[in-house]
């Protein structure tokens, strides 16, 4: 298969200059971090599903040409995967979705075992969806991701994979906890968004957003929350979410990224805001209640953004055509918000467009 760039032995993003608050970390745009057609002399590998002891044993015994990365980044060209089991309670699926978008190899542990004395070809050790025997729902999900990876390979060969290329992903803030596990998850989500053509807002923006939500749209374009994170652990609440939505900043949990990938959707602001309003009003345990006036504000944000896109220069026409061609596979968006009346006395929640 083709359409993949040659891997590099160094991690170019490991050292970065300090950036001003709110400025996006824009990576070099790559079609994909690896090239299956052209073998490399160096292999950047990330291990998925292994215990810390297993990782240490692999690192100690692997070939010199193989560089096992502790943190996922866009320099990674190979994922070596241990299948999920019933014991794997959070399994790092975000790393697999990175491979879907980037084109990195998804390989069985046998590739490492047979590469101790020299790196063997990957093809015989690559996961294929029709080779996975489904025994648990976890394996069914894994096979769906492998099948998705094969579908996206065809897309990359034709036009590249820029699923997160719209302006709604130009400055994404990822909200995760500060534990080691949280930092690993944040790195996976950051790499996934980068590989899909998006960029990340700097961490310093969060303090300003939390203190002054009215400034959020100047600093970030979207906020993605790590799955399982409670709002209270970040000293925010449902009213804070409303303030961001009323200023055109969609806030969603990370599962939205996998939904978009499975639907093969290039999301714009309208799609992200529709999902966000629907989720917080209908699916979150603490339901957000919006009035008709609030919903009208959201509609004005959509119209204002559509007008801004219509006024862009001709240089953006290629990106828009790519989005349109991918969005031909778009499934139906969530239905109307079905939101109740919100108590307007809870803080200043006026829409910035009103």
C-alpha atoms as a PDB file:
ATOM      1  CA  UNK A   1       0.000   0.000   0.000  1.00  0.00           C
ATOM      2  CA  UNK A   2       1.113   3.546  -0.662  1.00  0.00           C
ATOM      3  CA  UNK A   3       0.426   7.119   0.406  1.00  0.00           C
ATOM      4  CA  UNK A   4       2.629   7.064   3.509  1.00  0.00           C
ATOM      5  CA  UNK A   5       5.628   9.208   4.394  1.00  0.00           C
ATOM      6  CA  UNK A   6       9.006   7.809   5.482  1.00  0.00           C
ATOM      7  CA  UNK A   7       9.492   7.482   9.229  1.00  0.00           C
ATOM      8  CA  UNK A   8      12.063   9.445  11.207  1.00  0.00           C
ATOM      9  CA  UNK A   9      14.222   8.303  14.067  1.00  0.00           C
ATOM     10  CA  UNK A  10      13.919  11.551  16.021  1.00  0.00           C
ATOM     11  CA  UNK A  11      10.837  12.959  17.686  1.00  0.00           C
ATOM     12  CA  UNK A  12      10.739  16.484  16.255  1.00  0.00           C
ATOM     13  CA  UNK A  13       7.947  17.621  18.541  1.00  0.00           C
ATOM     14  CA  UNK A  14       9.690  16.708  21.803  1.00  0.00           C
ATOM     15  CA  UNK A  15      11.131  20.208  22.365  1.00  0.00           C
ATOM     16  CA  UNK A  16       9.058  23.272  21.567  1.00  0.00           C
ATOM     17  CA  UNK A  17       9.405  26.975  22.177  1.00  0.00           C
ATOM     18  CA  UNK A  18       7.090  28.604  24.685  1.00  0.00           C
ATOM     19  CA  UNK A  19       3.999  29.968  22.972  1.00  0.00           C
ATOM     20  CA  UNK A  20       1.704  32.816  23.874  1.00  0.00           C
ATOM     21  CA  UNK A  21      -1.652  31.965  25.414  1.00  0.00           C
ATOM     22  CA  UNK A  22      -4.215  30.791  22.891  1.00  0.00           C
ATOM     23  CA  UNK A  23      -1.925  30.302  19.921  1.00  0.00           C
ATOM     24  CA  UNK A  24      -2.323  26.943  18.270  1.00  0.00           C
ATOM     25  CA  UNK A  25       0.440  24.365  18.132  1.00  0.00           C
ATOM     26  CA  UNK A  26       0.388  23.790  14.373  1.00  0.00           C
ATOM     27  CA  UNK A  27       2.263  20.677  13.234  1.00  0.00           C
ATOM     28  CA  UNK A  28       3.804  20.064   9.868  1.00  0.00           C
ATOM     29  CA  UNK A  29       0.993  18.653   7.738  1.00  0.00           C
ATOM     30  CA  UNK A  30       1.750  15.098   6.702  1.00  0.00           C
ATOM     31  CA  UNK A  31      -0.259  12.756   4.554  1.00  0.00           C
ATOM     32  CA  UNK A  32       0.814  10.034   6.930  1.00  0.00           C
ATOM     33  CA  UNK A  33       3.786   9.313   9.193  1.00  0.00           C
ATOM     34  CA  UNK A  34       4.771   6.070   7.528  1.00  0.00           C
ATOM     35  CA  UNK A  35       5.182   4.573   4.103  1.00  0.00           C
ATOM     36  CA  UNK A  36       4.346   0.924   3.677  1.00  0.00           C
ATOM     37  CA  UNK A  37       5.800   0.900   0.195  1.00  0.00           C
ATOM     38  CA  UNK A  38       9.211   2.263   1.209  1.00  0.00           C
ATOM     39  CA  UNK A  39      11.004   0.549   4.085  1.00  0.00           C
ATOM     40  CA  UNK A  40      12.783   2.733   6.618  1.00  0.00           C
ATOM     41  CA  UNK A  41      16.080   2.164   8.399  1.00  0.00           C
ATOM     42  CA  UNK A  42      14.487   3.182  11.690  1.00  0.00           C
ATOM     43  CA  UNK A  43      11.180   2.262  13.290  1.00  0.00           C
ATOM     44  CA  UNK A  44       9.328   4.407  15.837  1.00  0.00           C
ATOM     45  CA  UNK A  45       7.109   2.018  17.774  1.00  0.00           C
ATOM     46  CA  UNK A  46       4.363   2.565  20.343  1.00  0.00           C
ATOM     47  CA  UNK A  47       3.123  -0.364  22.452  1.00  0.00           C
ATOM     48  CA  UNK A  48      -0.626  -0.724  23.028  1.00  0.00           C
ATOM     49  CA  UNK A  49      -2.243  -2.928  25.682  1.00  0.00           C
ATOM     50  CA  UNK A  50       0.953  -4.159  27.374  1.00  0.00           C
ATOM     51  CA  UNK A  51       1.733  -3.976  31.085  1.00  0.00           C
ATOM     52  CA  UNK A  52       4.685  -1.903  32.279  1.00  0.00           C
ATOM     53  CA  UNK A  53       6.681  -5.082  32.937  1.00  0.00           C
ATOM     54  CA  UNK A  54       5.954  -6.392  29.440  1.00  0.00           C
ATOM     55  CA  UNK A  55       7.002  -3.062  27.947  1.00  0.00           C
ATOM     56  CA  UNK A  56      10.302  -3.140  29.837  1.00  0.00           C
ATOM     57  CA  UNK A  57      11.026  -6.676  28.590  1.00  0.00           C
ATOM     58  CA  UNK A  58      10.271  -5.670  24.995  1.00  0.00           C
ATOM     59  CA  UNK A  59      12.493  -2.594  25.159  1.00  0.00           C
ATOM     60  CA  UNK A  60      15.344  -4.644  26.587  1.00  0.00           C
ATOM     61  CA  UNK A  61      15.163  -7.292  23.842  1.00  0.00           C
ATOM     62  CA  UNK A  62      14.177  -5.401  20.692  1.00  0.00           C
ATOM     63  CA  UNK A  63      16.481  -4.725  17.734  1.00  0.00           C
ATOM     64  CA  UNK A  64      18.651  -1.585  17.649  1.00  0.00           C
ATOM     65  CA  UNK A  65      16.679  -0.199  14.681  1.00  0.00           C
ATOM     66  CA  UNK A  66      13.470  -0.187  16.731  1.00  0.00           C
ATOM     67  CA  UNK A  67      12.862   2.820  18.968  1.00  0.00           C
ATOM     68  CA  UNK A  68      10.018   2.193  21.420  1.00  0.00           C
ATOM     69  CA  UNK A  69       8.339   5.481  22.381  1.00  0.00           C
ATOM     70  CA  UNK A  70       6.916   5.971  25.856  1.00  0.00           C
ATOM     71  CA  UNK A  71       4.413   8.567  24.634  1.00  0.00           C
ATOM     72  CA  UNK A  72       2.467   8.547  21.376  1.00  0.00           C
ATOM     73  CA  UNK A  73       3.346  11.323  18.934  1.00  0.00           C
ATOM     74  CA  UNK A  74       3.083  11.884  15.193  1.00  0.00           C
ATOM     75  CA  UNK A  75       6.607  10.461  14.778  1.00  0.00           C
ATOM     76  CA  UNK A  76       5.251   6.969  15.584  1.00  0.00           C
ATOM     77  CA  UNK A  77       5.086   4.739  12.503  1.00  0.00           C
ATOM     78  CA  UNK A  78       4.272   1.345  14.043  1.00  0.00           C
ATOM     79  CA  UNK A  79       1.801   0.302  16.742  1.00  0.00           C
ATOM     80  CA  UNK A  80       2.396  -3.137  18.248  1.00  0.00           C
ATOM     81  CA  UNK A  81      -0.849  -4.242  19.843  1.00  0.00           C
ATOM     82  CA  UNK A  82      -1.821  -6.729  22.501  1.00  0.00           C
ATOM     83  CA  UNK A  83      -5.507  -7.502  22.044  1.00  0.00           C
ATOM     84  CA  UNK A  84      -7.960  -6.166  24.635  1.00  0.00           C
ATOM     85  CA  UNK A  85      -9.279  -8.622  27.229  1.00  0.00           C
ATOM     86  CA  UNK A  86     -11.938  -8.467  29.911  1.00  0.00           C
ATOM     87  CA  UNK A  87      -9.269  -7.263  32.348  1.00  0.00           C
ATOM     88  CA  UNK A  88      -8.348  -4.208  30.246  1.00  0.00           C
ATOM     89  CA  UNK A  89     -10.525  -1.565  31.797  1.00  0.00           C
ATOM     90  CA  UNK A  90      -9.365   1.446  30.130  1.00  0.00           C
ATOM     91  CA  UNK A  91      -7.957   0.238  26.812  1.00  0.00           C
ATOM     92  CA  UNK A  92      -6.129   2.923  24.776  1.00  0.00           C
ATOM     93  CA  UNK A  93      -8.399   2.896  21.719  1.00  0.00           C
ATOM     94  CA  UNK A  94      -7.357   6.491  20.957  1.00  0.00           C
ATOM     95  CA  UNK A  95      -3.948   5.136  19.887  1.00  0.00           C
ATOM     96  CA  UNK A  96      -5.640   2.818  17.398  1.00  0.00           C
ATOM     97  CA  UNK A  97      -7.663   5.705  15.980  1.00  0.00           C
ATOM     98  CA  UNK A  98      -4.375   7.575  15.532  1.00  0.00           C
ATOM     99  CA  UNK A  99      -3.256   4.708  13.295  1.00  0.00           C
ATOM    100  CA  UNK A 100      -6.545   4.914  11.382  1.00  0.00           C
ATOM    101  CA  UNK A 101      -5.888   8.559  10.517  1.00  0.00           C
ATOM    102  CA  UNK A 102      -2.100   8.512  10.157  1.00  0.00           C
ATOM    103  CA  UNK A 103      -1.621   5.200   8.373  1.00  0.00           C
ATOM    104  CA  UNK A 104       0.748   3.770  10.974  1.00  0.00           C
ATOM    105  CA  UNK A 105       1.110  -0.014  10.966  1.00  0.00           C
ATOM    106  CA  UNK A 106      -1.019  -1.970  13.474  1.00  0.00           C
ATOM    107  CA  UNK A 107       1.016  -5.109  14.150  1.00  0.00           C
ATOM    108  CA  UNK A 108       0.886  -8.269  16.222  1.00  0.00           C
ATOM    109  CA  UNK A 109       3.518  -8.855  18.963  1.00  0.00           C
ATOM    110  CA  UNK A 110       5.016 -11.568  16.726  1.00  0.00           C
ATOM    111  CA  UNK A 111       6.617  -8.823  14.604  1.00  0.00           C
ATOM    112  CA  UNK A 112       8.782  -7.755  17.555  1.00  0.00           C
ATOM    113  CA  UNK A 113       9.499 -11.322  18.615  1.00  0.00           C
ATOM    114  CA  UNK A 114      10.851 -12.207  15.162  1.00  0.00           C
ATOM    115  CA  UNK A 115      12.753  -8.939  14.725  1.00  0.00           C
ATOM    116  CA  UNK A 116      15.302  -9.425  17.521  1.00  0.00           C
ATOM    117  CA  UNK A 117      18.136 -10.169  15.094  1.00  0.00           C
ATOM    118  CA  UNK A 118      16.917  -7.848  12.353  1.00  0.00           C
ATOM    119  CA  UNK A 119      13.643  -6.219  11.439  1.00  0.00           C
ATOM    120  CA  UNK A 120      11.374  -8.509   9.430  1.00  0.00           C
ATOM    121  CA  UNK A 121       8.748  -7.284   6.908  1.00  0.00           C
ATOM    122  CA  UNK A 122       5.550  -6.056   8.537  1.00  0.00           C
ATOM    123  CA  UNK A 123       2.991  -7.460   6.098  1.00  0.00           C
ATOM    124  CA  UNK A 124       2.878 -10.969   7.608  1.00  0.00           C
ATOM    125  CA  UNK A 125       2.195  -9.530  11.075  1.00  0.00           C
ATOM    126  CA  UNK A 126      -0.397  -6.859  10.256  1.00  0.00           C
ATOM    127  CA  UNK A 127      -3.858  -7.167  11.827  1.00  0.00           C
ATOM    128  CA  UNK A 128      -6.634  -7.770   9.291  1.00  0.00           C
ATOM    129  CA  UNK A 129     -10.297  -7.529  10.245  1.00  0.00           C
ATOM    130  CA  UNK A 130     -11.223 -10.876   8.649  1.00  0.00           C
ATOM    131  CA  UNK A 131      -8.489 -12.647  10.680  1.00  0.00           C
ATOM    132  CA  UNK A 132      -9.859 -11.555  14.068  1.00  0.00           C
ATOM    133  CA  UNK A 133     -11.953 -14.209  15.797  1.00  0.00           C
ATOM    134  CA  UNK A 134     -14.618 -12.372  17.796  1.00  0.00           C
ATOM    135  CA  UNK A 135     -14.959 -13.877  21.269  1.00  0.00           C
ATOM    136  CA  UNK A 136     -15.925 -10.801  23.287  1.00  0.00           C
ATOM    137  CA  UNK A 137     -17.555  -7.411  22.541  1.00  0.00           C
ATOM    138  CA  UNK A 138     -14.103  -5.888  23.038  1.00  0.00           C
ATOM    139  CA  UNK A 139     -12.750  -7.860  20.095  1.00  0.00           C
ATOM    140  CA  UNK A 140     -15.750  -6.806  18.020  1.00  0.00           C
ATOM    141  CA  UNK A 141     -14.836  -3.163  18.662  1.00  0.00           C
ATOM    142  CA  UNK A 142     -11.196  -3.879  17.854  1.00  0.00           C
ATOM    143  CA  UNK A 143     -12.138  -5.546  14.561  1.00  0.00           C
ATOM    144  CA  UNK A 144     -14.334  -2.579  13.640  1.00  0.00           C
ATOM    145  CA  UNK A 145     -11.345  -0.274  14.117  1.00  0.00           C
ATOM    146  CA  UNK A 146      -9.111  -2.495  11.960  1.00  0.00           C
ATOM    147  CA  UNK A 147     -11.756  -2.514   9.241  1.00  0.00           C
ATOM    148  CA  UNK A 148     -12.009   1.266   9.515  1.00  0.00           C
ATOM    149  CA  UNK A 149      -8.229   1.505   9.152  1.00  0.00           C
ATOM    150  CA  UNK A 150      -8.415  -0.436   5.891  1.00  0.00           C
ATOM    151  CA  UNK A 151     -11.163   1.884   4.607  1.00  0.00           C
ATOM    152  CA  UNK A 152      -9.138   4.974   5.430  1.00  0.00           C
ATOM    153  CA  UNK A 153      -6.098   3.547   3.668  1.00  0.00           C
ATOM    154  CA  UNK A 154      -8.068   3.746   0.419  1.00  0.00           C
ATOM    155  CA  UNK A 155      -9.013   7.348   1.212  1.00  0.00           C
ATOM    156  CA  UNK A 156      -5.385   8.295   1.963  1.00  0.00           C
ATOM    157  CA  UNK A 157      -4.285   6.814  -1.345  1.00  0.00           C
ATOM    158  CA  UNK A 158      -6.793   9.026  -3.202  1.00  0.00           C
ATOM    159  CA  UNK A 159      -6.718  12.363  -1.424  1.00  0.00           C
ATOM    160  CA  UNK A 160      -5.023  12.183   1.965  1.00  0.00           C
ATOM    161  CA  UNK A 161      -6.792  12.094   5.309  1.00  0.00           C
ATOM    162  CA  UNK A 162      -7.608  15.568   6.638  1.00  0.00           C
ATOM    163  CA  UNK A 163     -10.692  14.772   8.658  1.00  0.00           C
ATOM    164  CA  UNK A 164      -9.872  17.418  11.294  1.00  0.00           C
ATOM    165  CA  UNK A 165      -8.909  20.134   8.807  1.00  0.00           C
ATOM    166  CA  UNK A 166     -11.893  22.434   9.369  1.00  0.00           C
ATOM    167  CA  UNK A 167     -11.406  25.622  11.392  1.00  0.00           C
ATOM    168  CA  UNK A 168     -13.378  24.103  14.280  1.00  0.00           C
ATOM    169  CA  UNK A 169     -10.225  21.998  14.902  1.00  0.00           C
ATOM    170  CA  UNK A 170      -7.697  24.785  14.433  1.00  0.00           C
ATOM    171  CA  UNK A 171      -7.166  25.310  18.209  1.00  0.00           C
ATOM    172  CA  UNK A 172      -8.403  22.312  20.163  1.00  0.00           C
ATOM    173  CA  UNK A 173      -8.002  22.245  23.924  1.00  0.00           C
ATOM    174  CA  UNK A 174      -7.831  18.762  25.461  1.00  0.00           C
ATOM    175  CA  UNK A 175      -9.081  18.587  29.040  1.00  0.00           C
ATOM    176  CA  UNK A 176      -7.536  15.642  30.903  1.00  0.00           C
ATOM    177  CA  UNK A 177      -6.391  14.910  34.429  1.00  0.00           C
ATOM    178  CA  UNK A 178      -2.778  15.437  35.464  1.00  0.00           C
ATOM    179  CA  UNK A 179      -1.988  11.834  36.306  1.00  0.00           C
ATOM    180  CA  UNK A 180       0.457   9.774  34.247  1.00  0.00           C
ATOM    181  CA  UNK A 181      -2.505   8.044  32.619  1.00  0.00           C
ATOM    182  CA  UNK A 182      -4.110  11.416  31.854  1.00  0.00           C
ATOM    183  CA  UNK A 183      -0.923  12.702  30.221  1.00  0.00           C
ATOM    184  CA  UNK A 184      -0.712   9.542  28.096  1.00  0.00           C
ATOM    185  CA  UNK A 185      -4.327   9.934  26.969  1.00  0.00           C
ATOM    186  CA  UNK A 186      -3.803  13.612  26.193  1.00  0.00           C
ATOM    187  CA  UNK A 187      -0.791  12.747  24.026  1.00  0.00           C
ATOM    188  CA  UNK A 188      -2.869  10.171  22.130  1.00  0.00           C
ATOM    189  CA  UNK A 189      -5.692  12.630  21.455  1.00  0.00           C
ATOM    190  CA  UNK A 190      -3.209  15.342  20.479  1.00  0.00           C
ATOM    191  CA  UNK A 191      -1.508  12.992  17.995  1.00  0.00           C
ATOM    192  CA  UNK A 192      -4.847  11.858  16.580  1.00  0.00           C
ATOM    193  CA  UNK A 193      -5.966  15.447  15.950  1.00  0.00           C
ATOM    194  CA  UNK A 194      -2.586  16.457  14.503  1.00  0.00           C
ATOM    195  CA  UNK A 195      -2.574  13.467  12.129  1.00  0.00           C
ATOM    196  CA  UNK A 196      -6.029  14.470  10.895  1.00  0.00           C
ATOM    197  CA  UNK A 197      -4.971  18.018  10.047  1.00  0.00           C
ATOM    198  CA  UNK A 198      -5.972  19.825  13.262  1.00  0.00           C
ATOM    199  CA  UNK A 199      -3.875  21.706  15.789  1.00  0.00           C
ATOM    200  CA  UNK A 200      -3.821  22.097  19.558  1.00  0.00           C
ATOM    201  CA  UNK A 201      -4.241  25.146  21.793  1.00  0.00           C
ATOM    202  CA  UNK A 202      -1.561  25.641  24.428  1.00  0.00           C
ATOM    203  CA  UNK A 203      -2.206  24.475  27.990  1.00  0.00           C
ATOM    204  CA  UNK A 204      -1.978  28.015  29.395  1.00  0.00           C
ATOM    205  CA  UNK A 205      -5.265  28.892  27.715  1.00  0.00           C
ATOM    206  CA  UNK A 206      -7.298  26.831  30.214  1.00  0.00           C
ATOM    207  CA  UNK A 207      -6.632  29.095  33.186  1.00  0.00           C
ATOM    208  CA  UNK A 208      -7.867  32.129  31.239  1.00  0.00           C
ATOM    209  CA  UNK A 209     -10.935  30.256  29.933  1.00  0.00           C
ATOM    210  CA  UNK A 210     -11.917  29.057  33.394  1.00  0.00           C
ATOM    211  CA  UNK A 211     -11.583  32.525  34.891  1.00  0.00           C
ATOM    212  CA  UNK A 212     -13.138  34.388  31.938  1.00  0.00           C
ATOM    213  CA  UNK A 213     -15.375  32.111  29.820  1.00  0.00           C
ATOM    214  CA  UNK A 214     -16.352  35.119  27.698  1.00  0.00           C
ATOM    215  CA  UNK A 215     -12.821  35.008  26.210  1.00  0.00           C
ATOM    216  CA  UNK A 216     -12.954  31.313  25.284  1.00  0.00           C
ATOM    217  CA  UNK A 217     -13.675  31.804  21.568  1.00  0.00           C
ATOM    218  CA  UNK A 218     -10.567  33.999  21.272  1.00  0.00           C
ATOM    219  CA  UNK A 219      -8.343  31.239  22.630  1.00  0.00           C
ATOM    220  CA  UNK A 220      -9.770  27.890  21.513  1.00  0.00           C
ATOM    221  CA  UNK A 221     -12.029  26.526  18.784  1.00  0.00           C
ATOM    222  CA  UNK A 222     -13.202  23.319  20.506  1.00  0.00           C
ATOM    223  CA  UNK A 223     -12.759  21.614  23.876  1.00  0.00           C
ATOM    224  CA  UNK A 224     -12.416  17.815  24.014  1.00  0.00           C
ATOM    225  CA  UNK A 225     -12.774  16.186  27.445  1.00  0.00           C
ATOM    226  CA  UNK A 226     -11.111  12.865  28.220  1.00  0.00           C
ATOM    227  CA  UNK A 227     -13.699  10.082  28.603  1.00  0.00           C
ATOM    228  CA  UNK A 228     -14.627   9.493  32.224  1.00  0.00           C
ATOM    229  CA  UNK A 229     -13.586  12.938  33.445  1.00  0.00           C
ATOM    230  CA  UNK A 230     -16.060  14.603  35.796  1.00  0.00           C
ATOM    231  CA  UNK A 231     -16.647  18.343  35.401  1.00  0.00           C
ATOM    232  CA  UNK A 232     -16.226  18.967  39.119  1.00  0.00           C
ATOM    233  CA  UNK A 233     -12.670  17.576  39.059  1.00  0.00           C
ATOM    234  CA  UNK A 234     -11.760  20.602  36.915  1.00  0.00           C
ATOM    235  CA  UNK A 235     -13.758  23.046  39.078  1.00  0.00           C
ATOM    236  CA  UNK A 236     -16.390  23.669  36.399  1.00  0.00           C
ATOM    237  CA  UNK A 237     -20.098  22.855  36.104  1.00  0.00           C
ATOM    238  CA  UNK A 238     -22.932  22.607  33.597  1.00  0.00           C
ATOM    239  CA  UNK A 239     -23.494  26.370  33.674  1.00  0.00           C
ATOM    240  CA  UNK A 240     -19.868  26.871  32.617  1.00  0.00           C
ATOM    241  CA  UNK A 241     -20.481  24.532  29.661  1.00  0.00           C
ATOM    242  CA  UNK A 242     -23.463  26.653  28.660  1.00  0.00           C
ATOM    243  CA  UNK A 243     -21.397  29.819  28.682  1.00  0.00           C
ATOM    244  CA  UNK A 244     -18.927  28.218  26.258  1.00  0.00           C
ATOM    245  CA  UNK A 245     -21.667  26.939  23.954  1.00  0.00           C
ATOM    246  CA  UNK A 246     -23.270  30.374  23.840  1.00  0.00           C
ATOM    247  CA  UNK A 247     -19.961  31.741  22.563  1.00  0.00           C
ATOM    248  CA  UNK A 248     -19.614  29.186  19.800  1.00  0.00           C
ATOM    249  CA  UNK A 249     -17.134  26.841  21.516  1.00  0.00           C
ATOM    250  CA  UNK A 250     -18.352  23.213  21.303  1.00  0.00           C
ATOM    251  CA  UNK A 251     -17.466  21.052  24.318  1.00  0.00           C
ATOM    252  CA  UNK A 252     -17.615  17.275  23.904  1.00  0.00           C
ATOM    253  CA  UNK A 253     -16.094  14.098  25.294  1.00  0.00           C
ATOM    254  CA  UNK A 254     -13.401  12.342  23.264  1.00  0.00           C
ATOM    255  CA  UNK A 255     -15.816   9.680  21.998  1.00  0.00           C
ATOM    256  CA  UNK A 256     -17.044  12.228  19.433  1.00  0.00           C
ATOM    257  CA  UNK A 257     -13.751  11.767  17.563  1.00  0.00           C
ATOM    258  CA  UNK A 258     -14.324   8.042  17.031  1.00  0.00           C
ATOM    259  CA  UNK A 259     -17.938   8.699  16.008  1.00  0.00           C
ATOM    260  CA  UNK A 260     -16.793  11.155  13.352  1.00  0.00           C
ATOM    261  CA  UNK A 261     -14.178   8.703  12.089  1.00  0.00           C
ATOM    262  CA  UNK A 262     -16.643   5.813  11.823  1.00  0.00           C
ATOM    263  CA  UNK A 263     -19.099   8.062   9.961  1.00  0.00           C
ATOM    264  CA  UNK A 264     -16.257   9.415   7.765  1.00  0.00           C
ATOM    265  CA  UNK A 265     -17.271  12.985   8.534  1.00  0.00           C
ATOM    266  CA  UNK A 266     -15.171  16.125   8.148  1.00  0.00           C
ATOM    267  CA  UNK A 267     -16.841  18.115  10.951  1.00  0.00           C
ATOM    268  CA  UNK A 268     -17.525  21.828  10.831  1.00  0.00           C
ATOM    269  CA  UNK A 269     -18.748  24.139  13.593  1.00  0.00           C
ATOM    270  CA  UNK A 270     -22.395  23.375  12.901  1.00  0.00           C
ATOM    271  CA  UNK A 271     -21.885  19.621  13.241  1.00  0.00           C
ATOM    272  CA  UNK A 272     -19.836  19.979  16.429  1.00  0.00           C
ATOM    273  CA  UNK A 273     -22.279  22.440  18.019  1.00  0.00           C
ATOM    274  CA  UNK A 274     -25.247  20.231  17.094  1.00  0.00           C
ATOM    275  CA  UNK A 275     -23.606  17.232  18.755  1.00  0.00           C
ATOM    276  CA  UNK A 276     -22.625  19.331  21.799  1.00  0.00           C
ATOM    277  CA  UNK A 277     -26.085  20.834  22.366  1.00  0.00           C
ATOM    278  CA  UNK A 278     -27.730  17.449  21.924  1.00  0.00           C
ATOM    279  CA  UNK A 279     -25.309  15.701  24.291  1.00  0.00           C
ATOM    280  CA  UNK A 280     -25.470  18.194  27.158  1.00  0.00           C
ATOM    281  CA  UNK A 281     -29.263  18.574  26.893  1.00  0.00           C
ATOM    282  CA  UNK A 282     -30.181  14.909  26.458  1.00  0.00           C
ATOM    283  CA  UNK A 283     -27.402  12.486  27.420  1.00  0.00           C
ATOM    284  CA  UNK A 284     -25.317  14.002  30.226  1.00  0.00           C
ATOM    285  CA  UNK A 285     -26.541  12.982  33.684  1.00  0.00           C
ATOM    286  CA  UNK A 286     -26.926  16.644  34.642  1.00  0.00           C
ATOM    287  CA  UNK A 287     -29.167  17.892  31.847  1.00  0.00           C
ATOM    288  CA  UNK A 288     -28.543  21.336  30.422  1.00  0.00           C
ATOM    289  CA  UNK A 289     -31.750  23.298  29.844  1.00  0.00           C
ATOM    290  CA  UNK A 290     -31.838  25.830  27.023  1.00  0.00           C
ATOM    291  CA  UNK A 291     -34.583  28.307  26.197  1.00  0.00           C
ATOM    292  CA  UNK A 292     -35.777  29.151  22.692  1.00  0.00           C
ATOM    293  CA  UNK A 293     -33.727  32.341  22.955  1.00  0.00           C
ATOM    294  CA  UNK A 294     -30.612  30.287  23.718  1.00  0.00           C
ATOM    295  CA  UNK A 295     -31.244  28.027  20.731  1.00  0.00           C
ATOM    296  CA  UNK A 296     -31.713  31.066  18.518  1.00  0.00           C
ATOM    297  CA  UNK A 297     -28.292  32.277  19.661  1.00  0.00           C
ATOM    298  CA  UNK A 298     -26.788  28.942  18.600  1.00  0.00           C
ATOM    299  CA  UNK A 299     -28.448  29.262  15.189  1.00  0.00           C
ATOM    300  CA  UNK A 300     -26.971  32.761  14.805  1.00  0.00           C
ATOM    301  CA  UNK A 301     -23.518  31.367  15.555  1.00  0.00           C
ATOM    302  CA  UNK A 302     -24.018  28.803  12.758  1.00  0.00           C
ATOM    303  CA  UNK A 303     -25.106  31.493  10.298  1.00  0.00           C
ATOM    304  CA  UNK A 304     -22.267  33.814  11.253  1.00  0.00           C
ATOM    305  CA  UNK A 305     -19.729  31.032  10.782  1.00  0.00           C
ATOM    306  CA  UNK A 306     -21.272  30.030   7.422  1.00  0.00           C
ATOM    307  CA  UNK A 307     -21.035  33.638   6.201  1.00  0.00           C
ATOM    308  CA  UNK A 308     -17.402  33.802   7.308  1.00  0.00           C
ATOM    309  CA  UNK A 309     -16.624  30.610   5.391  1.00  0.00           C
ATOM    310  CA  UNK A 310     -18.377  31.940   2.275  1.00  0.00           C
ATOM    311  CA  UNK A 311     -16.161  35.030   2.390  1.00  0.00           C
ATOM    312  CA  UNK A 312     -12.881  33.101   2.553  1.00  0.00           C
ATOM    313  CA  UNK A 313     -10.395  33.416  -0.269  1.00  0.00           C
ATOM    314  CA  UNK A 314     -10.157  31.016  -3.167  1.00  0.00           C
ATOM    315  CA  UNK A 315      -7.190  29.355  -1.464  1.00  0.00           C
ATOM    316  CA  UNK A 316      -9.548  27.460   0.821  1.00  0.00           C
ATOM    317  CA  UNK A 317     -11.578  25.939  -2.012  1.00  0.00           C
ATOM    318  CA  UNK A 318      -9.445  22.790  -2.096  1.00  0.00           C
ATOM    319  CA  UNK A 319      -9.979  22.100   1.601  1.00  0.00           C
ATOM    320  CA  UNK A 320     -13.723  22.657   1.227  1.00  0.00           C
ATOM    321  CA  UNK A 321     -13.942  20.275  -1.725  1.00  0.00           C
ATOM    322  CA  UNK A 322     -12.083  17.614   0.275  1.00  0.00           C
ATOM    323  CA  UNK A 323     -14.555  18.078   3.125  1.00  0.00           C
ATOM    324  CA  UNK A 324     -17.497  17.808   0.762  1.00  0.00           C
ATOM    325  CA  UNK A 325     -16.222  14.600  -0.849  1.00  0.00           C
ATOM    326  CA  UNK A 326     -15.651  12.931   2.529  1.00  0.00           C
ATOM    327  CA  UNK A 327     -18.966  14.171   3.902  1.00  0.00           C
ATOM    328  CA  UNK A 328     -20.868  12.281   1.224  1.00  0.00           C
ATOM    329  CA  UNK A 329     -20.689   9.391   3.706  1.00  0.00           C
ATOM    330  CA  UNK A 330     -22.137  11.453   6.561  1.00  0.00           C
ATOM    331  CA  UNK A 331     -24.812   9.689   8.555  1.00  0.00           C
ATOM    332  CA  UNK A 332     -27.727  11.633   9.996  1.00  0.00           C
ATOM    333  CA  UNK A 333     -26.774  14.136  12.693  1.00  0.00           C
ATOM    334  CA  UNK A 334     -28.585  14.049  16.039  1.00  0.00           C
ATOM    335  CA  UNK A 335     -32.165  15.213  15.916  1.00  0.00           C
ATOM    336  CA  UNK A 336     -33.321  18.521  17.376  1.00  0.00           C
ATOM    337  CA  UNK A 337     -32.154  19.434  20.827  1.00  0.00           C
ATOM    338  CA  UNK A 338     -35.392  18.569  22.679  1.00  0.00           C
ATOM    339  CA  UNK A 339     -34.174  20.914  25.396  1.00  0.00           C
ATOM    340  CA  UNK A 340     -36.323  22.305  28.161  1.00  0.00           C
ATOM    341  CA  UNK A 341     -36.418  25.844  29.490  1.00  0.00           C
ATOM    342  CA  UNK A 342     -33.235  27.007  31.178  1.00  0.00           C
ATOM    343  CA  UNK A 343     -33.222  29.199  34.283  1.00  0.00           C
ATOM    344  CA  UNK A 344     -31.578  32.380  32.971  1.00  0.00           C
ATOM    345  CA  UNK A 345     -30.782  33.560  36.470  1.00  0.00           C
ATOM    346  CA  UNK A 346     -27.734  31.277  36.661  1.00  0.00           C
ATOM    347  CA  UNK A 347     -24.986  33.664  35.589  1.00  0.00           C
ATOM    348  CA  UNK A 348     -24.323  35.550  32.386  1.00  0.00           C
ATOM    349  CA  UNK A 349     -25.065  33.063  29.613  1.00  0.00           C
ATOM    350  CA  UNK A 350     -25.904  35.441  26.793  1.00  0.00           C
ATOM    351  CA  UNK A 351     -24.796  34.459  23.336  1.00  0.00           C
ATOM    352  CA  UNK A 352     -21.946  36.491  21.895  1.00  0.00           C
ATOM    353  CA  UNK A 353     -23.903  36.837  18.647  1.00  0.00           C
ATOM    354  CA  UNK A 354     -27.039  38.239  20.320  1.00  0.00           C
END
